[in-house]
Amino acid sequence: MTAKHMLSGLKILLLSLLVTVVLLLVLSLLYYKLKFGTGTVTILVFFVYVLSCLTGGFLAGKHFQTRRAIWSLGFGLLYFLLLLGTSLAAGKEVADHIMNLTGILAACAISGAMGGFLS
């Protein structure tokens, strides 16, 4: 992997994080206006992660012309690791939510790979 590929991968990751931030801001505005339950918020945050990984996987697949699904899957896993690191840095107890983490890991990996298939 060259420095050019690493820089492109970082740009894709940052763009995907920007998608996450924008979607979470929209979600918080909807929550403020509509006052729906926390279960709904949890599901919608999950879909924000999926859409962000799908977007990043799609862009990774477009950039890396060979082995698109592998690169996109790697992007989904990197996105999950970034989420996990952010949660740990915020002081969240990860061991208590291992089933949720497993689902989020699978969703990030699958949606990232799907983005590569769609590119």
PDB file of N, CA and C in Angstrom:
ATOM      1  N   MET A   1       0.846  -1.169   0.000  1.00  0.00           N
ATOM      2  CA  MET A   1       0.000   0.000   0.000  1.00  0.00           C
ATOM      3  C   MET A   1       0.895   1.236   0.000  1.00  0.00           C
ATOM      4  N   THR A   2       0.639   2.114  -0.930  1.00  0.00           N
ATOM      5  CA  THR A   2       1.457   3.308  -1.053  1.00  0.00           C
ATOM      6  C   THR A   2       0.906   4.440  -0.182  1.00  0.00           C
ATOM      7  N   ALA A   3       1.679   5.476  -0.077  1.00  0.00           N
ATOM      8  CA  ALA A   3       1.251   6.647   0.694  1.00  0.00           C
ATOM      9  C   ALA A   3       0.035   7.297   0.041  1.00  0.00           C
ATOM     10  N   LYS A   4      -0.040   7.228  -1.281  1.00  0.00           N
ATOM     11  CA  LYS A   4      -1.187   7.782  -2.003  1.00  0.00           C
ATOM     12  C   LYS A   4      -2.467   7.044  -1.623  1.00  0.00           C
ATOM     13  N   HIS A   5      -2.394   5.717  -1.533  1.00  0.00           N
ATOM     14  CA  HIS A   5      -3.556   4.918  -1.136  1.00  0.00           C
ATOM     15  C   HIS A   5      -3.962   5.210   0.306  1.00  0.00           C
ATOM     16  N   MET A   6      -2.974   5.364   1.167  1.00  0.00           N
ATOM     17  CA  MET A   6      -3.279   5.641   2.571  1.00  0.00           C
ATOM     18  C   MET A   6      -3.942   7.011   2.722  1.00  0.00           C
ATOM     19  N   LEU A   7      -3.465   7.991   1.975  1.00  0.00           N
ATOM     20  CA  LEU A   7      -4.068   9.319   2.020  1.00  0.00           C
ATOM     21  C   LEU A   7      -5.492   9.285   1.477  1.00  0.00           C
ATOM     22  N   SER A   8      -5.699   8.553   0.411  1.00  0.00           N
ATOM     23  CA  SER A   8      -7.043   8.414  -0.144  1.00  0.00           C
ATOM     24  C   SER A   8      -7.971   7.699   0.834  1.00  0.00           C
ATOM     25  N   GLY A   9      -7.459   6.662   1.484  1.00  0.00           N
ATOM     26  CA  GLY A   9      -8.253   5.949   2.483  1.00  0.00           C
ATOM     27  C   GLY A   9      -8.623   6.844   3.651  1.00  0.00           C
ATOM     28  N   LEU A  10      -7.700   7.702   4.058  1.00  0.00           N
ATOM     29  CA  LEU A  10      -7.980   8.647   5.142  1.00  0.00           C
ATOM     30  C   LEU A  10      -9.041   9.660   4.720  1.00  0.00           C
ATOM     31  N   LYS A  11      -8.964  10.123   3.481  1.00  0.00           N
ATOM     32  CA  LYS A  11      -9.975  11.053   2.971  1.00  0.00           C
ATOM     33  C   LYS A  11     -11.358  10.389   2.941  1.00  0.00           C
ATOM     34  N   ILE A  12     -11.405   9.134   2.523  1.00  0.00           N
ATOM     35  CA  ILE A  12     -12.674   8.405   2.487  1.00  0.00           C
ATOM     36  C   ILE A  12     -13.217   8.232   3.895  1.00  0.00           C
ATOM     37  N   LEU A  13     -12.346   7.912   4.830  1.00  0.00           N
ATOM     38  CA  LEU A  13     -12.769   7.762   6.221  1.00  0.00           C
ATOM     39  C   LEU A  13     -13.311   9.081   6.777  1.00  0.00           C
ATOM     40  N   LEU A  14     -12.642  10.174   6.495  1.00  0.00           N
ATOM     41  CA  LEU A  14     -13.106  11.475   6.964  1.00  0.00           C
ATOM     42  C   LEU A  14     -14.435  11.863   6.336  1.00  0.00           C
ATOM     43  N   LEU A  15     -14.612  11.547   5.059  1.00  0.00           N
ATOM     44  CA  LEU A  15     -15.884  11.822   4.399  1.00  0.00           C
ATOM     45  C   LEU A  15     -17.004  10.988   5.001  1.00  0.00           C
ATOM     46  N   SER A  16     -16.701   9.752   5.305  1.00  0.00           N
ATOM     47  CA  SER A  16     -17.684   8.882   5.940  1.00  0.00           C
ATOM     48  C   SER A  16     -18.037   9.379   7.338  1.00  0.00           C
ATOM     49  N   LEU A  17     -17.056   9.877   8.063  1.00  0.00           N
ATOM     50  CA  LEU A  17     -17.325  10.454   9.380  1.00  0.00           C
ATOM     51  C   LEU A  17     -18.152  11.730   9.263  1.00  0.00           C
ATOM     52  N   LEU A  18     -17.937  12.494   8.207  1.00  0.00           N
ATOM     53  CA  LEU A  18     -18.751  13.675   7.963  1.00  0.00           C
ATOM     54  C   LEU A  18     -20.209  13.277   7.705  1.00  0.00           C
ATOM     55  N   VAL A  19     -20.410  12.217   6.946  1.00  0.00           N
ATOM     56  CA  VAL A  19     -21.770  11.694   6.724  1.00  0.00           C
ATOM     57  C   VAL A  19     -22.390  11.294   8.057  1.00  0.00           C
ATOM     58  N   THR A  20     -21.608  10.650   8.913  1.00  0.00           N
ATOM     59  CA  THR A  20     -22.102  10.253  10.228  1.00  0.00           C
ATOM     60  C   THR A  20     -22.523  11.467  11.045  1.00  0.00           C
ATOM     61  N   VAL A  21     -21.685  12.484  11.077  1.00  0.00           N
ATOM     62  CA  VAL A  21     -21.981  13.679  11.870  1.00  0.00           C
ATOM     63  C   VAL A  21     -23.246  14.367  11.357  1.00  0.00           C
ATOM     64  N   VAL A  22     -23.356  14.518  10.048  1.00  0.00           N
ATOM     65  CA  VAL A  22     -24.539  15.182   9.482  1.00  0.00           C
ATOM     66  C   VAL A  22     -25.801  14.384   9.790  1.00  0.00           C
ATOM     67  N   LEU A  23     -25.753  13.068   9.598  1.00  0.00           N
ATOM     68  CA  LEU A  23     -26.931  12.244   9.871  1.00  0.00           C
ATOM     69  C   LEU A  23     -27.296  12.236  11.352  1.00  0.00           C
ATOM     70  N   LEU A  24     -26.296  12.240  12.220  1.00  0.00           N
ATOM     71  CA  LEU A  24     -26.584  12.291  13.658  1.00  0.00           C
ATOM     72  C   LEU A  24     -27.153  13.648  14.069  1.00  0.00           C
ATOM     73  N   LEU A  25     -26.715  14.711  13.426  1.00  0.00           N
ATOM     74  CA  LEU A  25     -27.300  16.028  13.694  1.00  0.00           C
ATOM     75  C   LEU A  25     -28.764  16.076  13.255  1.00  0.00           C
ATOM     76  N   VAL A  26     -29.046  15.516  12.083  1.00  0.00           N
ATOM     77  CA  VAL A  26     -30.440  15.444  11.617  1.00  0.00           C
ATOM     78  C   VAL A  26     -31.267  14.596  12.569  1.00  0.00           C
ATOM     79  N   LEU A  27     -30.703  13.483  13.009  1.00  0.00           N
ATOM     80  CA  LEU A  27     -31.401  12.612  13.952  1.00  0.00           C
ATOM     81  C   LEU A  27     -31.676  13.329  15.269  1.00  0.00           C
ATOM     82  N   SER A  28     -30.720  14.094  15.761  1.00  0.00           N
ATOM     83  CA  SER A  28     -30.946  14.808  17.014  1.00  0.00           C
ATOM     84  C   SER A  28     -32.007  15.887  16.855  1.00  0.00           C
ATOM     85  N   LEU A  29     -32.043  16.534  15.699  1.00  0.00           N
ATOM     86  CA  LEU A  29     -33.081  17.522  15.440  1.00  0.00           C
ATOM     87  C   LEU A  29     -34.463  16.854  15.387  1.00  0.00           C
ATOM     88  N   LEU A  30     -34.539  15.714  14.719  1.00  0.00           N
ATOM     89  CA  LEU A  30     -35.807  14.968  14.669  1.00  0.00           C
ATOM     90  C   LEU A  30     -36.231  14.510  16.058  1.00  0.00           C
ATOM     91  N   TYR A  31     -35.278  14.075  16.847  1.00  0.00           N
ATOM     92  CA  TYR A  31     -35.590  13.640  18.209  1.00  0.00           C
ATOM     93  C   TYR A  31     -36.116  14.806  19.037  1.00  0.00           C
ATOM     94  N   TYR A  32     -35.515  15.966  18.864  1.00  0.00           N
ATOM     95  CA  TYR A  32     -35.941  17.155  19.598  1.00  0.00           C
ATOM     96  C   TYR A  32     -37.356  17.572  19.195  1.00  0.00           C
ATOM     97  N   LYS A  33     -37.643  17.511  17.897  1.00  0.00           N
ATOM     98  CA  LYS A  33     -38.950  17.954  17.406  1.00  0.00           C
ATOM     99  C   LYS A  33     -40.044  16.915  17.631  1.00  0.00           C
ATOM    100  N   LEU A  34     -39.741  15.636  17.422  1.00  0.00           N
ATOM    101  CA  LEU A  34     -40.775  14.595  17.431  1.00  0.00           C
ATOM    102  C   LEU A  34     -40.875  13.837  18.746  1.00  0.00           C
ATOM    103  N   LYS A  35     -39.836  13.901  19.573  1.00  0.00           N
ATOM    104  CA  LYS A  35     -39.827  13.262  20.891  1.00  0.00           C
ATOM    105  C   LYS A  35     -40.155  11.753  20.831  1.00  0.00           C
ATOM    106  N   PHE A  36     -39.523  11.037  19.921  1.00  0.00           N
ATOM    107  CA  PHE A  36     -39.748   9.594  19.878  1.00  0.00           C
ATOM    108  C   PHE A  36     -38.879   8.889  20.905  1.00  0.00           C
ATOM    109  N   GLY A  37     -39.153   7.606  21.137  1.00  0.00           N
ATOM    110  CA  GLY A  37     -38.530   6.852  22.218  1.00  0.00           C
ATOM    111  C   GLY A  37     -37.076   6.511  21.968  1.00  0.00           C
ATOM    112  N   THR A  38     -36.427   6.054  23.029  1.00  0.00           N
ATOM    113  CA  THR A  38     -35.006   5.718  22.933  1.00  0.00           C
ATOM    114  C   THR A  38     -34.762   4.478  22.081  1.00  0.00           C
ATOM    115  N   GLY A  39     -35.728   3.571  22.043  1.00  0.00           N
ATOM    116  CA  GLY A  39     -35.587   2.398  21.174  1.00  0.00           C
ATOM    117  C   GLY A  39     -35.508   2.797  19.711  1.00  0.00           C
ATOM    118  N   THR A  40     -36.304   3.771  19.341  1.00  0.00           N
ATOM    119  CA  THR A  40     -36.272   4.281  17.964  1.00  0.00           C
ATOM    120  C   THR A  40     -34.946   4.960  17.679  1.00  0.00           C
ATOM    121  N   VAL A  41     -34.442   5.710  18.637  1.00  0.00           N
ATOM    122  CA  VAL A  41     -33.157   6.383  18.464  1.00  0.00           C
ATOM    123  C   VAL A  41     -32.046   5.356  18.265  1.00  0.00           C
ATOM    124  N   THR A  42     -32.076   4.283  19.041  1.00  0.00           N
ATOM    125  CA  THR A  42     -31.057   3.235  18.920  1.00  0.00           C
ATOM    126  C   THR A  42     -31.068   2.621  17.524  1.00  0.00           C
ATOM    127  N   ILE A  43     -32.243   2.338  17.014  1.00  0.00           N
ATOM    128  CA  ILE A  43     -32.360   1.752  15.668  1.00  0.00           C
ATOM    129  C   ILE A  43     -31.874   2.741  14.608  1.00  0.00           C
ATOM    130  N   LEU A  44     -32.243   4.004  14.753  1.00  0.00           N
ATOM    131  CA  LEU A  44     -31.844   5.004  13.769  1.00  0.00           C
ATOM    132  C   LEU A  44     -30.333   5.264  13.808  1.00  0.00           C
ATOM    133  N   VAL A  45     -29.722   5.242  14.977  1.00  0.00           N
ATOM    134  CA  VAL A  45     -28.270   5.392  15.069  1.00  0.00           C
ATOM    135  C   VAL A  45     -27.587   4.211  14.385  1.00  0.00           C
ATOM    136  N   PHE A  46     -28.148   3.023  14.561  1.00  0.00           N
ATOM    137  CA  PHE A  46     -27.625   1.838  13.885  1.00  0.00           C
ATOM    138  C   PHE A  46     -27.663   2.042  12.364  1.00  0.00           C
ATOM    139  N   PHE A  47     -28.764   2.583  11.847  1.00  0.00           N
ATOM    140  CA  PHE A  47     -28.868   2.832  10.410  1.00  0.00           C
ATOM    141  C   PHE A  47     -27.930   3.947   9.950  1.00  0.00           C
ATOM    142  N   VAL A  48     -27.633   4.891  10.817  1.00  0.00           N
ATOM    143  CA  VAL A  48     -26.642   5.914  10.483  1.00  0.00           C
ATOM    144  C   VAL A  48     -25.280   5.257  10.273  1.00  0.00           C
ATOM    145  N   TYR A  49     -24.914   4.335  11.146  1.00  0.00           N
ATOM    146  CA  TYR A  49     -23.654   3.608  10.975  1.00  0.00           C
ATOM    147  C   TYR A  49     -23.640   2.822   9.668  1.00  0.00           C
ATOM    148  N   VAL A  50     -24.748   2.171   9.366  1.00  0.00           N
ATOM    149  CA  VAL A  50     -24.836   1.381   8.133  1.00  0.00           C
ATOM    150  C   VAL A  50     -24.697   2.285   6.910  1.00  0.00           C
ATOM    151  N   LEU A  51     -25.406   3.399   6.881  1.00  0.00           N
ATOM    152  CA  LEU A  51     -25.322   4.310   5.736  1.00  0.00           C
ATOM    153  C   LEU A  51     -23.923   4.910   5.592  1.00  0.00           C
ATOM    154  N   SER A  52     -23.296   5.227   6.706  1.00  0.00           N
ATOM    155  CA  SER A  52     -21.936   5.770   6.643  1.00  0.00           C
ATOM    156  C   SER A  52     -20.948   4.743   6.113  1.00  0.00           C
ATOM    157  N   CYS A  53     -21.071   3.509   6.560  1.00  0.00           N
ATOM    158  CA  CYS A  53     -20.175   2.450   6.065  1.00  0.00           C
ATOM    159  C   CYS A  53     -20.467   2.112   4.613  1.00  0.00           C
ATOM    160  N   LEU A  54     -21.726   2.154   4.229  1.00  0.00           N
ATOM    161  CA  LEU A  54     -22.094   1.911   2.834  1.00  0.00           C
ATOM    162  C   LEU A  54     -21.483   2.986   1.938  1.00  0.00           C
ATOM    163  N   THR A  55     -21.570   4.229   2.380  1.00  0.00           N
ATOM    164  CA  THR A  55     -20.987   5.338   1.623  1.00  0.00           C
ATOM    165  C   THR A  55     -19.469   5.192   1.535  1.00  0.00           C
ATOM    166  N   GLY A  56     -18.831   4.940   2.660  1.00  0.00           N
ATOM    167  CA  GLY A  56     -17.380   4.769   2.651  1.00  0.00           C
ATOM    168  C   GLY A  56     -16.938   3.561   1.842  1.00  0.00           C
ATOM    169  N   GLY A  57     -17.677   2.457   1.963  1.00  0.00           N
ATOM    170  CA  GLY A  57     -17.352   1.267   1.173  1.00  0.00           C
ATOM    171  C   GLY A  57     -17.502   1.518  -0.316  1.00  0.00           C
ATOM    172  N   PHE A  58     -18.544   2.272  -0.684  1.00  0.00           N
ATOM    173  CA  PHE A  58     -18.747   2.619  -2.086  1.00  0.00           C
ATOM    174  C   PHE A  58     -17.583   3.452  -2.611  1.00  0.00           C
ATOM    175  N   LEU A  59     -17.188   4.468  -1.834  1.00  0.00           N
ATOM    176  CA  LEU A  59     -16.070   5.318  -2.254  1.00  0.00           C
ATOM    177  C   LEU A  59     -14.754   4.544  -2.288  1.00  0.00           C
ATOM    178  N   ALA A  60     -14.565   3.649  -1.327  1.00  0.00           N
ATOM    179  CA  ALA A  60     -13.348   2.819  -1.330  1.00  0.00           C
ATOM    180  C   ALA A  60     -13.334   1.904  -2.548  1.00  0.00           C
ATOM    181  N   GLY A  61     -14.492   1.343  -2.891  1.00  0.00           N
ATOM    182  CA  GLY A  61     -14.577   0.493  -4.074  1.00  0.00           C
ATOM    183  C   GLY A  61     -14.308   1.259  -5.352  1.00  0.00           C
ATOM    184  N   LYS A  62     -14.752   2.509  -5.409  1.00  0.00           N
ATOM    185  CA  LYS A  62     -14.483   3.344  -6.587  1.00  0.00           C
ATOM    186  C   LYS A  62     -12.995   3.683  -6.691  1.00  0.00           C
ATOM    187  N   HIS A  63     -12.384   3.953  -5.548  1.00  0.00           N
ATOM    188  CA  HIS A  63     -10.978   4.348  -5.573  1.00  0.00           C
ATOM    189  C   HIS A  63     -10.061   3.167  -5.875  1.00  0.00           C
ATOM    190  N   PHE A  64     -10.248   2.066  -5.162  1.00  0.00           N
ATOM    191  CA  PHE A  64      -9.408   0.886  -5.354  1.00  0.00           C
ATOM    192  C   PHE A  64     -10.094  -0.005  -6.386  1.00  0.00           C
ATOM    193  N   GLN A  65      -9.624   0.019  -7.595  1.00  0.00           N
ATOM    194  CA  GLN A  65     -10.294  -0.672  -8.693  1.00  0.00           C
ATOM    195  C   GLN A  65     -10.185  -2.197  -8.619  1.00  0.00           C
ATOM    196  N   THR A  66      -9.187  -2.706  -7.930  1.00  0.00           N
ATOM    197  CA  THR A  66      -9.056  -4.147  -7.787  1.00  0.00           C
ATOM    198  C   THR A  66      -9.406  -4.541  -6.364  1.00  0.00           C
ATOM    199  N   ARG A  67      -9.971  -5.709  -6.217  1.00  0.00           N
ATOM    200  CA  ARG A  67     -10.371  -6.240  -4.911  1.00  0.00           C
ATOM    201  C   ARG A  67     -11.254  -5.249  -4.144  1.00  0.00           C
ATOM    202  N   ARG A  68     -12.266  -4.737  -4.813  1.00  0.00           N
ATOM    203  CA  ARG A  68     -13.139  -3.713  -4.238  1.00  0.00           C
ATOM    204  C   ARG A  68     -13.803  -4.178  -2.950  1.00  0.00           C
ATOM    205  N   ALA A  69     -14.319  -5.398  -2.963  1.00  0.00           N
ATOM    206  CA  ALA A  69     -15.037  -5.896  -1.784  1.00  0.00           C
ATOM    207  C   ALA A  69     -14.101  -6.022  -0.584  1.00  0.00           C
ATOM    208  N   ILE A  70     -12.876  -6.451  -0.822  1.00  0.00           N
ATOM    209  CA  ILE A  70     -11.912  -6.608   0.272  1.00  0.00           C
ATOM    210  C   ILE A  70     -11.547  -5.247   0.853  1.00  0.00           C
ATOM    211  N   TRP A  71     -11.258  -4.274  -0.020  1.00  0.00           N
ATOM    212  CA  TRP A  71     -10.931  -2.935   0.462  1.00  0.00           C
ATOM    213  C   TRP A  71     -12.102  -2.316   1.208  1.00  0.00           C
ATOM    214  N   SER A  72     -13.303  -2.518   0.684  1.00  0.00           N
ATOM    215  CA  SER A  72     -14.494  -1.954   1.305  1.00  0.00           C
ATOM    216  C   SER A  72     -14.808  -2.635   2.626  1.00  0.00           C
ATOM    217  N   LEU A  73     -14.603  -3.937   2.689  1.00  0.00           N
ATOM    218  CA  LEU A  73     -14.760  -4.660   3.955  1.00  0.00           C
ATOM    219  C   LEU A  73     -13.760  -4.129   4.983  1.00  0.00           C
ATOM    220  N   GLY A  74     -12.533  -3.928   4.547  1.00  0.00           N
ATOM    221  CA  GLY A  74     -11.520  -3.351   5.428  1.00  0.00           C
ATOM    222  C   GLY A  74     -11.910  -1.970   5.907  1.00  0.00           C
ATOM    223  N   PHE A  75     -12.537  -1.196   5.026  1.00  0.00           N
ATOM    224  CA  PHE A  75     -13.006   0.120   5.436  1.00  0.00           C
ATOM    225  C   PHE A  75     -14.075  -0.001   6.519  1.00  0.00           C
ATOM    226  N   GLY A  76     -15.023  -0.922   6.348  1.00  0.00           N
ATOM    227  CA  GLY A  76     -16.065  -1.124   7.351  1.00  0.00           C
ATOM    228  C   GLY A  76     -15.479  -1.519   8.701  1.00  0.00           C
ATOM    229  N   LEU A  77     -14.474  -2.373   8.675  1.00  0.00           N
ATOM    230  CA  LEU A  77     -13.812  -2.780   9.918  1.00  0.00           C
ATOM    231  C   LEU A  77     -13.045  -1.617  10.550  1.00  0.00           C
ATOM    232  N   LEU A  78     -12.409  -0.808   9.725  1.00  0.00           N
ATOM    233  CA  LEU A  78     -11.703   0.371  10.239  1.00  0.00           C
ATOM    234  C   LEU A  78     -12.686   1.362  10.856  1.00  0.00           C
ATOM    235  N   TYR A  79     -13.836   1.534  10.219  1.00  0.00           N
ATOM    236  CA  TYR A  79     -14.863   2.428  10.755  1.00  0.00           C
ATOM    237  C   TYR A  79     -15.342   1.911  12.115  1.00  0.00           C
ATOM    238  N   PHE A  80     -15.551   0.594  12.222  1.00  0.00           N
ATOM    239  CA  PHE A  80     -15.964   0.025  13.499  1.00  0.00           C
ATOM    240  C   PHE A  80     -14.898   0.254  14.571  1.00  0.00           C
ATOM    241  N   LEU A  81     -13.640   0.049  14.219  1.00  0.00           N
ATOM    242  CA  LEU A  81     -12.560   0.271  15.189  1.00  0.00           C
ATOM    243  C   LEU A  81     -12.514   1.720  15.642  1.00  0.00           C
ATOM    244  N   LEU A  82     -12.809   2.635  14.735  1.00  0.00           N
ATOM    245  CA  LEU A  82     -12.865   4.045  15.107  1.00  0.00           C
ATOM    246  C   LEU A  82     -14.027   4.297  16.078  1.00  0.00           C
ATOM    247  N   LEU A  83     -15.182   3.695  15.813  1.00  0.00           N
ATOM    248  CA  LEU A  83     -16.319   3.810  16.738  1.00  0.00           C
ATOM    249  C   LEU A  83     -15.980   3.226  18.104  1.00  0.00           C
ATOM    250  N   LEU A  84     -15.346   2.068  18.105  1.00  0.00           N
ATOM    251  CA  LEU A  84     -14.968   1.410  19.350  1.00  0.00           C
ATOM    252  C   LEU A  84     -13.971   2.256  20.129  1.00  0.00           C
ATOM    253  N   GLY A  85     -12.977   2.786  19.432  1.00  0.00           N
ATOM    254  CA  GLY A  85     -11.990   3.643  20.089  1.00  0.00           C
ATOM    255  C   GLY A  85     -12.618   4.904  20.664  1.00  0.00           C
ATOM    256  N   THR A  86     -13.574   5.467  19.943  1.00  0.00           N
ATOM    257  CA  THR A  86     -14.272   6.647  20.438  1.00  0.00           C
ATOM    258  C   THR A  86     -15.072   6.319  21.683  1.00  0.00           C
ATOM    259  N   SER A  87     -15.729   5.174  21.677  1.00  0.00           N
ATOM    260  CA  SER A  87     -16.502   4.750  22.848  1.00  0.00           C
ATOM    261  C   SER A  87     -15.590   4.523  24.054  1.00  0.00           C
ATOM    262  N   LEU A  88     -14.465   3.894  23.826  1.00  0.00           N
ATOM    263  CA  LEU A  88     -13.527   3.651  24.919  1.00  0.00           C
ATOM    264  C   LEU A  88     -12.955   4.967  25.453  1.00  0.00           C
ATOM    265  N   ALA A  89     -12.659   5.902  24.547  1.00  0.00           N
ATOM    266  CA  ALA A  89     -12.119   7.192  24.972  1.00  0.00           C
ATOM    267  C   ALA A  89     -13.154   8.000  25.756  1.00  0.00           C
ATOM    268  N   ALA A  90     -14.434   7.775  25.454  1.00  0.00           N
ATOM    269  CA  ALA A  90     -15.499   8.480  26.167  1.00  0.00           C
ATOM    270  C   ALA A  90     -15.812   7.834  27.509  1.00  0.00           C
ATOM    271  N   GLY A  91     -15.175   6.710  27.803  1.00  0.00           N
ATOM    272  CA  GLY A  91     -15.359   6.058  29.092  1.00  0.00           C
ATOM    273  C   GLY A  91     -16.513   5.077  29.146  1.00  0.00           C
ATOM    274  N   LYS A  92     -16.971   4.608  27.996  1.00  0.00           N
ATOM    275  CA  LYS A  92     -18.072   3.638  27.974  1.00  0.00           C
ATOM    276  C   LYS A  92     -17.561   2.269  28.414  1.00  0.00           C
ATOM    277  N   GLU A  93     -18.422   1.535  29.099  1.00  0.00           N
ATOM    278  CA  GLU A  93     -18.121   0.157  29.483  1.00  0.00           C
ATOM    279  C   GLU A  93     -18.456  -0.758  28.306  1.00  0.00           C
ATOM    280  N   VAL A  94     -17.447  -1.268  27.653  1.00  0.00           N
ATOM    281  CA  VAL A  94     -17.629  -2.071  26.453  1.00  0.00           C
ATOM    282  C   VAL A  94     -18.092  -3.481  26.797  1.00  0.00           C
ATOM    283  N   ALA A  95     -17.613  -4.030  27.886  1.00  0.00           N
ATOM    284  CA  ALA A  95     -17.934  -5.422  28.234  1.00  0.00           C
ATOM    285  C   ALA A  95     -19.429  -5.617  28.469  1.00  0.00           C
ATOM    286  N   ASP A  96     -20.112  -4.586  28.923  1.00  0.00           N
ATOM    287  CA  ASP A  96     -21.543  -4.704  29.180  1.00  0.00           C
ATOM    288  C   ASP A  96     -22.375  -4.744  27.902  1.00  0.00           C
ATOM    289  N   HIS A  97     -21.810  -4.286  26.805  1.00  0.00           N
ATOM    290  CA  HIS A  97     -22.559  -4.168  25.555  1.00  0.00           C
ATOM    291  C   HIS A  97     -21.954  -5.022  24.443  1.00  0.00           C
ATOM    292  N   ILE A  98     -21.437  -6.177  24.775  1.00  0.00           N
ATOM    293  CA  ILE A  98     -20.735  -7.003  23.796  1.00  0.00           C
ATOM    294  C   ILE A  98     -21.657  -7.487  22.676  1.00  0.00           C
ATOM    295  N   MET A  99     -22.923  -7.762  22.983  1.00  0.00           N
ATOM    296  CA  MET A  99     -23.857  -8.201  21.938  1.00  0.00           C
ATOM    297  C   MET A  99     -24.152  -7.057  20.971  1.00  0.00           C
ATOM    298  N   ASN A 100     -24.309  -5.844  21.478  1.00  0.00           N
ATOM    299  CA  ASN A 100     -24.514  -4.693  20.602  1.00  0.00           C
ATOM    300  C   ASN A 100     -23.289  -4.463  19.727  1.00  0.00           C
ATOM    301  N   LEU A 101     -22.101  -4.610  20.302  1.00  0.00           N
ATOM    302  CA  LEU A 101     -20.875  -4.421  19.534  1.00  0.00           C
ATOM    303  C   LEU A 101     -20.733  -5.448  18.422  1.00  0.00           C
ATOM    304  N   THR A 102     -21.147  -6.663  18.706  1.00  0.00           N
ATOM    305  CA  THR A 102     -21.081  -7.708  17.686  1.00  0.00           C
ATOM    306  C   THR A 102     -21.990  -7.370  16.516  1.00  0.00           C
ATOM    307  N   GLY A 103     -23.179  -6.883  16.815  1.00  0.00           N
ATOM    308  CA  GLY A 103     -24.111  -6.486  15.757  1.00  0.00           C
ATOM    309  C   GLY A 103     -23.603  -5.301  14.965  1.00  0.00           C
ATOM    310  N   ILE A 104     -23.017  -4.345  15.654  1.00  0.00           N
ATOM    311  CA  ILE A 104     -22.478  -3.168  14.962  1.00  0.00           C
ATOM    312  C   ILE A 104     -21.273  -3.553  14.117  1.00  0.00           C
ATOM    313  N   LEU A 105     -20.427  -4.442  14.630  1.00  0.00           N
ATOM    314  CA  LEU A 105     -19.282  -4.931  13.854  1.00  0.00           C
ATOM    315  C   LEU A 105     -19.758  -5.599  12.574  1.00  0.00           C
ATOM    316  N   ALA A 106     -20.738  -6.477  12.695  1.00  0.00           N
ATOM    317  CA  ALA A 106     -21.266  -7.170  11.513  1.00  0.00           C
ATOM    318  C   ALA A 106     -21.888  -6.180  10.537  1.00  0.00           C
ATOM    319  N   ALA A 107     -22.644  -5.227  11.054  1.00  0.00           N
ATOM    320  CA  ALA A 107     -23.298  -4.247  10.183  1.00  0.00           C
ATOM    321  C   ALA A 107     -22.280  -3.382   9.450  1.00  0.00           C
ATOM    322  N   CYS A 108     -21.243  -2.943  10.146  1.00  0.00           N
ATOM    323  CA  CYS A 108     -20.205  -2.121   9.509  1.00  0.00           C
ATOM    324  C   CYS A 108     -19.457  -2.914   8.444  1.00  0.00           C
ATOM    325  N   ALA A 109     -19.100  -4.140   8.764  1.00  0.00           N
ATOM    326  CA  ALA A 109     -18.363  -4.963   7.804  1.00  0.00           C
ATOM    327  C   ALA A 109     -19.217  -5.287   6.579  1.00  0.00           C
ATOM    328  N   ILE A 110     -20.460  -5.691   6.799  1.00  0.00           N
ATOM    329  CA  ILE A 110     -21.328  -6.072   5.679  1.00  0.00           C
ATOM    330  C   ILE A 110     -21.690  -4.859   4.827  1.00  0.00           C
ATOM    331  N   SER A 111     -22.041  -3.745   5.472  1.00  0.00           N
ATOM    332  CA  SER A 111     -22.416  -2.576   4.677  1.00  0.00           C
ATOM    333  C   SER A 111     -21.209  -1.989   3.944  1.00  0.00           C
ATOM    334  N   GLY A 112     -20.031  -2.042   4.554  1.00  0.00           N
ATOM    335  CA  GLY A 112     -18.836  -1.619   3.849  1.00  0.00           C
ATOM    336  C   GLY A 112     -18.574  -2.478   2.625  1.00  0.00           C
ATOM    337  N   ALA A 113     -18.678  -3.793   2.786  1.00  0.00           N
ATOM    338  CA  ALA A 113     -18.482  -4.699   1.648  1.00  0.00           C
ATOM    339  C   ALA A 113     -19.553  -4.501   0.576  1.00  0.00           C
ATOM    340  N   MET A 114     -20.788  -4.268   1.009  1.00  0.00           N
ATOM    341  CA  MET A 114     -21.872  -4.016   0.037  1.00  0.00           C
ATOM    342  C   MET A 114     -21.594  -2.756  -0.762  1.00  0.00           C
ATOM    343  N   GLY A 115     -21.031  -1.729  -0.108  1.00  0.00           N
ATOM    344  CA  GLY A 115     -20.656  -0.524  -0.833  1.00  0.00           C
ATOM    345  C   GLY A 115     -19.636  -0.836  -1.925  1.00  0.00           C
ATOM    346  N   GLY A 116     -18.708  -1.734  -1.609  1.00  0.00           N
ATOM    347  CA  GLY A 116     -17.730  -2.146  -2.621  1.00  0.00           C
ATOM    348  C   GLY A 116     -18.376  -2.915  -3.760  1.00  0.00           C
ATOM    349  N   PHE A 117     -19.352  -3.755  -3.451  1.00  0.00           N
ATOM    350  CA  PHE A 117     -20.059  -4.487  -4.502  1.00  0.00           C
ATOM    351  C   PHE A 117     -20.857  -3.543  -5.401  1.00  0.00           C
ATOM    352  N   LEU A 118     -21.403  -2.490  -4.820  1.00  0.00           N
ATOM    353  CA  LEU A 118     -22.232  -1.556  -5.574  1.00  0.00           C
ATOM    354  C   LEU A 118     -21.412  -0.558  -6.394  1.00  0.00           C
ATOM    355  N   SER A 119     -20.127  -0.431  -6.057  1.00  0.00           N
ATOM    356  CA  SER A 119     -19.302   0.565  -6.774  1.00  0.00           C
ATOM    357  C   SER A 119     -18.933   0.109  -8.168  1.00  0.00           C
TER     358      SER A 119
END
